């Protein structure tokens, strides 16, 4: 393991972009083998190296930080929401709405997904949904496929928010169903059969949860009238 860490420290300093592809593949292999300690060690090394890595154009650096942020913001042994936030901040500082709205929308979507996956508080899920909505400003009807992806993930985030904010659970579940219906419709129109099935499957889960909430509300109302 020490030899592998030494290899990546040297290669990342010499060629960050090329080495990151190898580093990411190594992380996938470690995760598949269940080698949590090794995966975390490599993730720690990358984080320590980030400030000193040399890049060419500023856009190159922003994309690298974006990709690193996606890694840290994804479920896995080295997941770290705080690191993901800080790396996404570098990308979002560069990808402004005026200069590169497409890349900014991508970064917003991926930060929102990280918060939805790793957040543990209702406030974090609310932030996630606000970021998804901001991303949808660019991912509009003219960019339907990207819009469908964001709506799908927003639907999942809304359903999770219903768990963390039960007082408003029914409203969150209704919003989740609306987002997933639109995602499924977009994917059907664009011939994306696998994506459509995924959105429809998630929609059924949301509707099941909503039906249970409605049954519960009905039972509570009946008790109150006795």
C-alpha atoms as a PDB file:
ATOM      1  CA  UNK A   1       0.000   0.000   0.000  1.00  0.00           C
ATOM      2  CA  UNK A   2       2.826   2.421   0.778  1.00  0.00           C
ATOM      3  CA  UNK A   3       4.251   1.831  -2.679  1.00  0.00           C
ATOM      4  CA  UNK A   4       0.855   2.568  -4.251  1.00  0.00           C
ATOM      5  CA  UNK A   5       0.512   5.756  -2.233  1.00  0.00           C
ATOM      6  CA  UNK A   6       4.000   6.856  -3.232  1.00  0.00           C
ATOM      7  CA  UNK A   7       3.218   6.136  -6.882  1.00  0.00           C
ATOM      8  CA  UNK A   8       0.097   8.288  -6.882  1.00  0.00           C
ATOM      9  CA  UNK A   9       1.688  11.140  -4.937  1.00  0.00           C
ATOM     10  CA  UNK A  10       4.422  11.326  -7.561  1.00  0.00           C
ATOM     11  CA  UNK A  11       2.186  10.835 -10.605  1.00  0.00           C
ATOM     12  CA  UNK A  12      -0.441  13.340  -9.423  1.00  0.00           C
ATOM     13  CA  UNK A  13       2.233  15.986  -8.961  1.00  0.00           C
ATOM     14  CA  UNK A  14       3.628  15.275 -12.450  1.00  0.00           C
ATOM     15  CA  UNK A  15       0.341  14.919 -14.385  1.00  0.00           C
ATOM     16  CA  UNK A  16      -2.756  15.532 -12.267  1.00  0.00           C
ATOM     17  CA  UNK A  17      -5.335  14.862 -14.972  1.00  0.00           C
ATOM     18  CA  UNK A  18      -3.768  11.715 -16.373  1.00  0.00           C
ATOM     19  CA  UNK A  19      -2.954  10.327 -12.933  1.00  0.00           C
ATOM     20  CA  UNK A  20      -6.451  11.011 -11.622  1.00  0.00           C
ATOM     21  CA  UNK A  21      -7.947   8.554 -14.105  1.00  0.00           C
ATOM     22  CA  UNK A  22      -5.666   5.818 -12.763  1.00  0.00           C
ATOM     23  CA  UNK A  23      -6.281   6.943  -9.184  1.00  0.00           C
ATOM     24  CA  UNK A  24     -10.046   6.737  -9.670  1.00  0.00           C
ATOM     25  CA  UNK A  25      -9.812   3.233 -11.152  1.00  0.00           C
ATOM     26  CA  UNK A  26      -7.703   2.192  -8.166  1.00  0.00           C
ATOM     27  CA  UNK A  27     -10.380   3.557  -5.853  1.00  0.00           C
ATOM     28  CA  UNK A  28     -13.062   1.519  -7.632  1.00  0.00           C
ATOM     29  CA  UNK A  29     -10.988  -1.643  -7.291  1.00  0.00           C
ATOM     30  CA  UNK A  30     -10.347  -1.001  -3.595  1.00  0.00           C
ATOM     31  CA  UNK A  31     -14.063  -0.429  -2.989  1.00  0.00           C
ATOM     32  CA  UNK A  32     -14.969  -3.651  -4.796  1.00  0.00           C
ATOM     33  CA  UNK A  33     -12.483  -5.541  -2.618  1.00  0.00           C
ATOM     34  CA  UNK A  34     -13.770  -3.901   0.531  1.00  0.00           C
ATOM     35  CA  UNK A  35     -10.401  -2.340   1.356  1.00  0.00           C
ATOM     36  CA  UNK A  36     -11.776   0.659   3.204  1.00  0.00           C
ATOM     37  CA  UNK A  37      -8.572   1.694   4.982  1.00  0.00           C
ATOM     38  CA  UNK A  38      -6.558   1.776   1.754  1.00  0.00           C
ATOM     39  CA  UNK A  39      -9.274   3.723  -0.085  1.00  0.00           C
ATOM     40  CA  UNK A  40      -9.377   6.319   2.684  1.00  0.00           C
ATOM     41  CA  UNK A  41      -5.574   6.622   2.715  1.00  0.00           C
ATOM     42  CA  UNK A  42      -5.486   7.380  -1.019  1.00  0.00           C
ATOM     43  CA  UNK A  43      -8.350   9.875  -0.604  1.00  0.00           C
ATOM     44  CA  UNK A  44      -6.478  11.618   2.221  1.00  0.00           C
ATOM     45  CA  UNK A  45      -3.342  11.830   0.077  1.00  0.00           C
ATOM     46  CA  UNK A  46      -5.236  13.423  -2.814  1.00  0.00           C
ATOM     47  CA  UNK A  47      -6.857  15.948  -0.500  1.00  0.00           C
ATOM     48  CA  UNK A  48      -3.484  16.942   0.950  1.00  0.00           C
ATOM     49  CA  UNK A  49      -1.995  17.280  -2.527  1.00  0.00           C
ATOM     50  CA  UNK A  50      -4.780  19.367  -4.084  1.00  0.00           C
ATOM     51  CA  UNK A  51      -3.419  22.812  -3.095  1.00  0.00           C
ATOM     52  CA  UNK A  52      -0.022  22.151  -4.683  1.00  0.00           C
ATOM     53  CA  UNK A  53      -1.072  20.483  -7.943  1.00  0.00           C
ATOM     54  CA  UNK A  54      -0.143  22.414 -11.068  1.00  0.00           C
ATOM     55  CA  UNK A  55      -2.605  22.913 -13.909  1.00  0.00           C
ATOM     56  CA  UNK A  56      -2.654  24.738 -17.217  1.00  0.00           C
ATOM     57  CA  UNK A  57      -5.719  26.894 -17.940  1.00  0.00           C
ATOM     58  CA  UNK A  58      -7.971  27.855 -15.036  1.00  0.00           C
ATOM     59  CA  UNK A  59     -10.763  25.779 -16.578  1.00  0.00           C
ATOM     60  CA  UNK A  60      -8.569  22.678 -16.315  1.00  0.00           C
ATOM     61  CA  UNK A  61      -8.147  23.233 -12.589  1.00  0.00           C
ATOM     62  CA  UNK A  62     -11.875  23.876 -12.110  1.00  0.00           C
ATOM     63  CA  UNK A  63     -12.828  20.650 -13.880  1.00  0.00           C
ATOM     64  CA  UNK A  64     -10.298  18.677 -11.846  1.00  0.00           C
ATOM     65  CA  UNK A  65     -11.704  20.034  -8.591  1.00  0.00           C
ATOM     66  CA  UNK A  66     -15.216  19.289  -9.841  1.00  0.00           C
ATOM     67  CA  UNK A  67     -14.308  15.670 -10.532  1.00  0.00           C
ATOM     68  CA  UNK A  68     -12.603  15.320  -7.158  1.00  0.00           C
ATOM     69  CA  UNK A  69     -15.694  16.832  -5.522  1.00  0.00           C
ATOM     70  CA  UNK A  70     -17.935  14.260  -7.218  1.00  0.00           C
ATOM     71  CA  UNK A  71     -15.721  11.507  -5.788  1.00  0.00           C
ATOM     72  CA  UNK A  72     -15.795  12.864  -2.233  1.00  0.00           C
ATOM     73  CA  UNK A  73     -19.527  13.496  -2.532  1.00  0.00           C
ATOM     74  CA  UNK A  74     -20.389   9.943  -3.615  1.00  0.00           C
ATOM     75  CA  UNK A  75     -21.285   7.145  -1.196  1.00  0.00           C
ATOM     76  CA  UNK A  76     -18.269   4.984  -0.454  1.00  0.00           C
ATOM     77  CA  UNK A  77     -15.521   4.415   2.082  1.00  0.00           C
ATOM     78  CA  UNK A  78     -13.908   7.813   1.447  1.00  0.00           C
ATOM     79  CA  UNK A  79     -17.111   9.870   1.218  1.00  0.00           C
ATOM     80  CA  UNK A  80     -16.685  13.266   2.859  1.00  0.00           C
ATOM     81  CA  UNK A  81     -19.357  15.919   2.407  1.00  0.00           C
ATOM     82  CA  UNK A  82     -17.221  18.751   3.771  1.00  0.00           C
ATOM     83  CA  UNK A  83     -14.408  17.980   1.336  1.00  0.00           C
ATOM     84  CA  UNK A  84     -16.939  17.732  -1.480  1.00  0.00           C
ATOM     85  CA  UNK A  85     -18.366  21.152  -0.603  1.00  0.00           C
ATOM     86  CA  UNK A  86     -14.944  22.787  -0.584  1.00  0.00           C
ATOM     87  CA  UNK A  87     -13.922  21.247  -3.907  1.00  0.00           C
ATOM     88  CA  UNK A  88     -17.244  22.149  -5.547  1.00  0.00           C
ATOM     89  CA  UNK A  89     -16.750  25.721  -4.331  1.00  0.00           C
ATOM     90  CA  UNK A  90     -13.558  25.938  -6.396  1.00  0.00           C
ATOM     91  CA  UNK A  91     -15.383  24.715  -9.495  1.00  0.00           C
ATOM     92  CA  UNK A  92     -18.376  27.016  -8.976  1.00  0.00           C
ATOM     93  CA  UNK A  93     -16.133  30.025  -8.465  1.00  0.00           C
ATOM     94  CA  UNK A  94     -14.794  29.479 -11.973  1.00  0.00           C
ATOM     95  CA  UNK A  95     -17.922  28.252 -13.769  1.00  0.00           C
ATOM     96  CA  UNK A  96     -20.115  31.320 -13.495  1.00  0.00           C
ATOM     97  CA  UNK A  97     -23.620  31.573 -14.924  1.00  0.00           C
ATOM     98  CA  UNK A  98     -22.392  34.169 -17.422  1.00  0.00           C
ATOM     99  CA  UNK A  99     -19.196  32.472 -18.595  1.00  0.00           C
ATOM    100  CA  UNK A 100     -20.170  28.787 -18.654  1.00  0.00           C
ATOM    101  CA  UNK A 101     -23.776  28.087 -17.627  1.00  0.00           C
ATOM    102  CA  UNK A 102     -23.612  24.481 -18.818  1.00  0.00           C
ATOM    103  CA  UNK A 103     -20.708  23.516 -16.590  1.00  0.00           C
ATOM    104  CA  UNK A 104     -22.138  25.540 -13.719  1.00  0.00           C
ATOM    105  CA  UNK A 105     -25.401  23.636 -14.011  1.00  0.00           C
ATOM    106  CA  UNK A 106     -23.478  20.356 -13.946  1.00  0.00           C
ATOM    107  CA  UNK A 107     -21.584  21.383 -10.815  1.00  0.00           C
ATOM    108  CA  UNK A 108     -24.789  22.541  -9.109  1.00  0.00           C
ATOM    109  CA  UNK A 109     -26.496  19.253  -9.965  1.00  0.00           C
ATOM    110  CA  UNK A 110     -23.599  17.201  -8.626  1.00  0.00           C
ATOM    111  CA  UNK A 111     -23.280  19.235  -5.431  1.00  0.00           C
ATOM    112  CA  UNK A 112     -27.020  18.803  -4.900  1.00  0.00           C
ATOM    113  CA  UNK A 113     -26.637  15.053  -5.441  1.00  0.00           C
ATOM    114  CA  UNK A 114     -23.804  14.897  -2.903  1.00  0.00           C
ATOM    115  CA  UNK A 115     -25.962  16.673  -0.326  1.00  0.00           C
ATOM    116  CA  UNK A 116     -28.893  14.361  -1.088  1.00  0.00           C
ATOM    117  CA  UNK A 117     -26.718  11.257  -0.722  1.00  0.00           C
ATOM    118  CA  UNK A 118     -24.607  12.235   2.281  1.00  0.00           C
ATOM    119  CA  UNK A 119     -26.643  14.889   4.106  1.00  0.00           C
ATOM    120  CA  UNK A 120     -28.073  13.870   7.453  1.00  0.00           C
ATOM    121  CA  UNK A 121     -30.190  16.908   8.328  1.00  0.00           C
ATOM    122  CA  UNK A 122     -33.328  18.355   6.786  1.00  0.00           C
ATOM    123  CA  UNK A 123     -31.469  21.614   6.149  1.00  0.00           C
ATOM    124  CA  UNK A 124     -28.961  19.806   3.961  1.00  0.00           C
ATOM    125  CA  UNK A 125     -31.714  18.181   1.913  1.00  0.00           C
ATOM    126  CA  UNK A 126     -33.459  21.539   1.551  1.00  0.00           C
ATOM    127  CA  UNK A 127     -30.203  23.002   0.284  1.00  0.00           C
ATOM    128  CA  UNK A 128     -29.900  20.094  -2.134  1.00  0.00           C
ATOM    129  CA  UNK A 129     -33.348  20.744  -3.586  1.00  0.00           C
ATOM    130  CA  UNK A 130     -32.641  24.471  -3.935  1.00  0.00           C
ATOM    131  CA  UNK A 131     -29.483  23.627  -5.898  1.00  0.00           C
ATOM    132  CA  UNK A 132     -31.374  21.188  -8.122  1.00  0.00           C
ATOM    133  CA  UNK A 133     -33.903  23.934  -8.857  1.00  0.00           C
ATOM    134  CA  UNK A 134     -31.103  26.351  -9.696  1.00  0.00           C
ATOM    135  CA  UNK A 135     -29.580  23.780 -12.057  1.00  0.00           C
ATOM    136  CA  UNK A 136     -32.959  23.419 -13.769  1.00  0.00           C
ATOM    137  CA  UNK A 137     -32.741  27.069 -14.762  1.00  0.00           C
ATOM    138  CA  UNK A 138     -30.307  26.014 -17.484  1.00  0.00           C
ATOM    139  CA  UNK A 139     -31.519  22.435 -17.824  1.00  0.00           C
ATOM    140  CA  UNK A 140     -34.785  23.609 -19.334  1.00  0.00           C
ATOM    141  CA  UNK A 141     -37.066  22.248 -22.055  1.00  0.00           C
ATOM    142  CA  UNK A 142     -34.354  22.869 -24.658  1.00  0.00           C
ATOM    143  CA  UNK A 143     -32.069  20.446 -22.789  1.00  0.00           C
ATOM    144  CA  UNK A 144     -34.567  17.775 -21.936  1.00  0.00           C
ATOM    145  CA  UNK A 145     -32.237  14.850 -21.306  1.00  0.00           C
ATOM    146  CA  UNK A 146     -30.173  16.750 -18.746  1.00  0.00           C
ATOM    147  CA  UNK A 147     -33.404  18.112 -17.263  1.00  0.00           C
ATOM    148  CA  UNK A 148     -34.718  14.567 -16.832  1.00  0.00           C
ATOM    149  CA  UNK A 149     -31.588  13.548 -14.919  1.00  0.00           C
ATOM    150  CA  UNK A 150     -31.904  16.477 -12.518  1.00  0.00           C
ATOM    151  CA  UNK A 151     -35.640  15.971 -12.000  1.00  0.00           C
ATOM    152  CA  UNK A 152     -35.078  12.288 -11.238  1.00  0.00           C
ATOM    153  CA  UNK A 153     -32.469  13.037  -8.574  1.00  0.00           C
ATOM    154  CA  UNK A 154     -34.533  15.891  -7.168  1.00  0.00           C
ATOM    155  CA  UNK A 155     -37.449  13.498  -6.778  1.00  0.00           C
ATOM    156  CA  UNK A 156     -35.246  11.180  -4.716  1.00  0.00           C
ATOM    157  CA  UNK A 157     -34.025  14.086  -2.585  1.00  0.00           C
ATOM    158  CA  UNK A 158     -37.583  15.241  -1.908  1.00  0.00           C
ATOM    159  CA  UNK A 159     -38.567  11.758  -0.785  1.00  0.00           C
ATOM    160  CA  UNK A 160     -35.609  11.648   1.585  1.00  0.00           C
ATOM    161  CA  UNK A 161     -36.515  15.105   2.881  1.00  0.00           C
ATOM    162  CA  UNK A 162     -39.945  13.705   3.739  1.00  0.00           C
ATOM    163  CA  UNK A 163     -38.202  11.312   6.132  1.00  0.00           C
ATOM    164  CA  UNK A 164     -36.170  14.065   7.781  1.00  0.00           C
ATOM    165  CA  UNK A 165     -39.024  16.590   7.895  1.00  0.00           C
ATOM    166  CA  UNK A 166     -42.103  14.457   8.673  1.00  0.00           C
ATOM    167  CA  UNK A 167     -44.207  17.466   9.632  1.00  0.00           C
ATOM    168  CA  UNK A 168     -44.214  18.482   5.962  1.00  0.00           C
ATOM    169  CA  UNK A 169     -43.798  14.948   4.630  1.00  0.00           C
ATOM    170  CA  UNK A 170     -46.909  14.833   2.468  1.00  0.00           C
ATOM    171  CA  UNK A 171     -45.965  18.034   0.651  1.00  0.00           C
ATOM    172  CA  UNK A 172     -42.448  16.776  -0.007  1.00  0.00           C
ATOM    173  CA  UNK A 173     -43.783  13.461  -1.301  1.00  0.00           C
ATOM    174  CA  UNK A 174     -46.235  15.208  -3.621  1.00  0.00           C
ATOM    175  CA  UNK A 175     -43.375  17.329  -4.989  1.00  0.00           C
ATOM    176  CA  UNK A 176     -41.275  14.167  -5.371  1.00  0.00           C
ATOM    177  CA  UNK A 177     -44.028  12.519  -7.407  1.00  0.00           C
ATOM    178  CA  UNK A 178     -44.335  15.587  -9.642  1.00  0.00           C
ATOM    179  CA  UNK A 179     -40.589  15.642 -10.348  1.00  0.00           C
ATOM    180  CA  UNK A 180     -40.397  11.907 -11.041  1.00  0.00           C
ATOM    181  CA  UNK A 181     -43.442  11.996 -13.344  1.00  0.00           C
ATOM    182  CA  UNK A 182     -41.840  14.725 -15.414  1.00  0.00           C
ATOM    183  CA  UNK A 183     -38.527  12.841 -15.471  1.00  0.00           C
ATOM    184  CA  UNK A 184     -40.254   9.667 -16.655  1.00  0.00           C
ATOM    185  CA  UNK A 185     -42.123  11.598 -19.359  1.00  0.00           C
ATOM    186  CA  UNK A 186     -38.941  13.218 -20.639  1.00  0.00           C
ATOM    187  CA  UNK A 187     -37.151   9.889 -20.778  1.00  0.00           C
ATOM    188  CA  UNK A 188     -40.064   8.261 -22.589  1.00  0.00           C
ATOM    189  CA  UNK A 189     -40.144  11.038 -25.200  1.00  0.00           C
ATOM    190  CA  UNK A 190     -36.438  10.645 -25.810  1.00  0.00           C
ATOM    191  CA  UNK A 191     -36.483   6.857 -26.090  1.00  0.00           C
ATOM    192  CA  UNK A 192     -34.474   6.329 -22.891  1.00  0.00           C
ATOM    193  CA  UNK A 193     -36.108   3.065 -21.854  1.00  0.00           C
ATOM    194  CA  UNK A 194     -33.779   2.222 -18.968  1.00  0.00           C
ATOM    195  CA  UNK A 195     -33.995   5.727 -17.531  1.00  0.00           C
ATOM    196  CA  UNK A 196     -37.784   5.775 -17.915  1.00  0.00           C
ATOM    197  CA  UNK A 197     -38.073   2.496 -16.011  1.00  0.00           C
ATOM    198  CA  UNK A 198     -35.808   3.838 -13.262  1.00  0.00           C
ATOM    199  CA  UNK A 199     -37.924   6.986 -12.862  1.00  0.00           C
ATOM    200  CA  UNK A 200     -41.168   5.003 -12.922  1.00  0.00           C
ATOM    201  CA  UNK A 201     -39.820   2.612 -10.292  1.00  0.00           C
ATOM    202  CA  UNK A 202     -38.875   5.511  -8.027  1.00  0.00           C
ATOM    203  CA  UNK A 203     -42.236   7.150  -8.687  1.00  0.00           C
ATOM    204  CA  UNK A 204     -44.014   4.007  -7.465  1.00  0.00           C
ATOM    205  CA  UNK A 205     -41.947   4.075  -4.264  1.00  0.00           C
ATOM    206  CA  UNK A 206     -42.885   7.713  -3.707  1.00  0.00           C
ATOM    207  CA  UNK A 207     -46.575   7.037  -4.384  1.00  0.00           C
ATOM    208  CA  UNK A 208     -46.530   4.112  -1.965  1.00  0.00           C
ATOM    209  CA  UNK A 209     -45.074   6.384   0.707  1.00  0.00           C
ATOM    210  CA  UNK A 210     -47.627   9.076  -0.084  1.00  0.00           C
ATOM    211  CA  UNK A 211     -50.496   6.576   0.133  1.00  0.00           C
ATOM    212  CA  UNK A 212     -49.249   5.506   3.556  1.00  0.00           C
ATOM    213  CA  UNK A 213     -49.051   9.140   4.674  1.00  0.00           C
ATOM    214  CA  UNK A 214     -52.614   9.715   3.467  1.00  0.00           C
ATOM    215  CA  UNK A 215     -53.852   6.607   5.281  1.00  0.00           C
ATOM    216  CA  UNK A 216     -52.108   7.779   8.427  1.00  0.00           C
ATOM    217  CA  UNK A 217     -53.655  11.242   8.098  1.00  0.00           C
ATOM    218  CA  UNK A 218     -57.073   9.643   7.649  1.00  0.00           C
ATOM    219  CA  UNK A 219     -56.636   7.522  10.759  1.00  0.00           C
ATOM    220  CA  UNK A 220     -55.501  10.559  12.745  1.00  0.00           C
ATOM    221  CA  UNK A 221     -58.498  12.586  11.536  1.00  0.00           C
ATOM    222  CA  UNK A 222     -60.858   9.754  12.509  1.00  0.00           C
ATOM    223  CA  UNK A 223     -59.397   9.602  16.015  1.00  0.00           C
ATOM    224  CA  UNK A 224     -59.783  13.358  16.440  1.00  0.00           C
ATOM    225  CA  UNK A 225     -63.485  13.240  15.554  1.00  0.00           C
ATOM    226  CA  UNK A 226     -64.328  10.532  18.088  1.00  0.00           C
END
